[in-house]
Amino acid sequence: MASIDFPSALIALERAAWSAAQTGTLTADQAAAVQAAVTAFAAEAGVDRYEAEMGLKRIVRHPELTEAA
């Protein structure tokens, strides 16, 4: 998977959504906002949306793997 330089605001948005999902408080609006932000970022950066989403999730959910890469 190619390394993608994510803006800190997008990482923060995904972290908040992941935290909400972990506590059972994630709303459909919050999930949709993250999805829209990832889609917009991918289009602007010229990267595949799926790759962007998976890379972002990896950074947030498995930071130990990101640091080792």
C-alpha atoms as a PDB file:
ATOM      1  CA  MET A   1       0.000   0.000   0.000  1.00  0.00           C
ATOM      2  CA  ALA A   2       1.432   3.357  -0.990  1.00  0.00           C
ATOM      3  CA  SER A   3       2.188   5.885   1.702  1.00  0.00           C
ATOM      4  CA  ILE A   4      -0.359   8.698   1.720  1.00  0.00           C
ATOM      5  CA  ASP A   5       0.218  11.978   3.543  1.00  0.00           C
ATOM      6  CA  PHE A   6      -3.085  12.557   5.345  1.00  0.00           C
ATOM      7  CA  PRO A   7      -3.974  15.978   6.733  1.00  0.00           C
ATOM      8  CA  SER A   8      -4.187  16.064  10.530  1.00  0.00           C
ATOM      9  CA  ALA A   9      -7.840  17.170  10.388  1.00  0.00           C
ATOM     10  CA  LEU A  10      -8.786  14.020   8.477  1.00  0.00           C
ATOM     11  CA  ILE A  11      -6.894  11.830  10.942  1.00  0.00           C
ATOM     12  CA  ALA A  12      -8.654  13.572  13.834  1.00  0.00           C
ATOM     13  CA  LEU A  13     -12.038  13.037  12.177  1.00  0.00           C
ATOM     14  CA  GLU A  14     -11.342   9.311  11.747  1.00  0.00           C
ATOM     15  CA  ARG A  15     -10.029   9.040  15.328  1.00  0.00           C
ATOM     16  CA  ALA A  16     -13.215  10.609  16.678  1.00  0.00           C
ATOM     17  CA  ALA A  17     -15.364   8.251  14.618  1.00  0.00           C
ATOM     18  CA  TRP A  18     -13.330   5.211  15.681  1.00  0.00           C
ATOM     19  CA  SER A  19     -13.612   6.248  19.320  1.00  0.00           C
ATOM     20  CA  ALA A  20     -17.361   6.695  18.946  1.00  0.00           C
ATOM     21  CA  ALA A  21     -17.641   3.288  17.274  1.00  0.00           C
ATOM     22  CA  GLN A  22     -15.722   1.710  20.159  1.00  0.00           C
ATOM     23  CA  THR A  23     -18.150   3.174  22.692  1.00  0.00           C
ATOM     24  CA  GLY A  24     -21.270   2.501  20.634  1.00  0.00           C
ATOM     25  CA  THR A  25     -22.030   6.178  20.064  1.00  0.00           C
ATOM     26  CA  LEU A  26     -21.122   6.514  16.369  1.00  0.00           C
ATOM     27  CA  THR A  27     -23.962   8.158  14.492  1.00  0.00           C
ATOM     28  CA  ALA A  28     -24.853   7.777  10.836  1.00  0.00           C
ATOM     29  CA  ASP A  29     -24.149  11.493  10.356  1.00  0.00           C
ATOM     30  CA  GLN A  30     -20.676  11.143  11.857  1.00  0.00           C
ATOM     31  CA  ALA A  31     -19.888   8.115   9.703  1.00  0.00           C
ATOM     32  CA  ALA A  32     -21.177   9.907   6.607  1.00  0.00           C
ATOM     33  CA  ALA A  33     -19.028  12.955   7.404  1.00  0.00           C
ATOM     34  CA  VAL A  34     -15.900  10.789   7.595  1.00  0.00           C
ATOM     35  CA  GLN A  35     -16.798   9.017   4.355  1.00  0.00           C
ATOM     36  CA  ALA A  36     -17.402  12.325   2.570  1.00  0.00           C
ATOM     37  CA  ALA A  37     -14.108  13.736   3.870  1.00  0.00           C
ATOM     38  CA  VAL A  38     -12.163  10.653   2.748  1.00  0.00           C
ATOM     39  CA  THR A  39     -13.818  10.745  -0.675  1.00  0.00           C
ATOM     40  CA  ALA A  40     -13.035  14.449  -1.096  1.00  0.00           C
ATOM     41  CA  PHE A  41      -9.446  13.988   0.069  1.00  0.00           C
ATOM     42  CA  ALA A  42      -8.880  11.061  -2.293  1.00  0.00           C
ATOM     43  CA  ALA A  43     -10.242  13.005  -5.266  1.00  0.00           C
ATOM     44  CA  GLU A  44      -8.125  16.064  -4.420  1.00  0.00           C
ATOM     45  CA  ALA A  45      -4.962  14.024  -3.791  1.00  0.00           C
ATOM     46  CA  GLY A  46      -5.491  11.884  -6.884  1.00  0.00           C
ATOM     47  CA  VAL A  47      -5.445   8.602  -4.980  1.00  0.00           C
ATOM     48  CA  ASP A  48      -7.826   5.681  -4.961  1.00  0.00           C
ATOM     49  CA  ARG A  49     -10.594   6.252  -2.394  1.00  0.00           C
ATOM     50  CA  TYR A  50     -10.389   2.684  -1.144  1.00  0.00           C
ATOM     51  CA  GLU A  51      -6.614   2.948  -0.631  1.00  0.00           C
ATOM     52  CA  ALA A  52      -7.075   6.271   1.158  1.00  0.00           C
ATOM     53  CA  GLU A  53      -9.748   4.847   3.452  1.00  0.00           C
ATOM     54  CA  MET A  54      -7.736   1.750   4.295  1.00  0.00           C
ATOM     55  CA  GLY A  55      -4.579   3.779   4.901  1.00  0.00           C
ATOM     56  CA  LEU A  56      -6.423   6.156   7.185  1.00  0.00           C
ATOM     57  CA  LYS A  57      -7.982   3.312   9.154  1.00  0.00           C
ATOM     58  CA  ARG A  58      -4.554   1.707   9.510  1.00  0.00           C
ATOM     59  CA  ILE A  59      -3.055   4.916  10.923  1.00  0.00           C
ATOM     60  CA  VAL A  60      -5.874   5.300  13.435  1.00  0.00           C
ATOM     61  CA  ARG A  61      -6.499   1.693  14.412  1.00  0.00           C
ATOM     62  CA  HIS A  62      -2.976   0.269  14.170  1.00  0.00           C
ATOM     63  CA  PRO A  63      -0.468   3.057  14.751  1.00  0.00           C
ATOM     64  CA  GLU A  64       2.180   0.499  15.758  1.00  0.00           C
ATOM     65  CA  LEU A  65       2.092  -0.915  12.205  1.00  0.00           C
ATOM     66  CA  THR A  66       2.372   2.532  10.669  1.00  0.00           C
ATOM     67  CA  GLU A  67       5.447   3.409  12.733  1.00  0.00           C
ATOM     68  CA  ALA A  68       7.165   0.161  11.718  1.00  0.00           C
ATOM     69  CA  ALA A  69       6.476   0.677   8.010  1.00  0.00           C
END
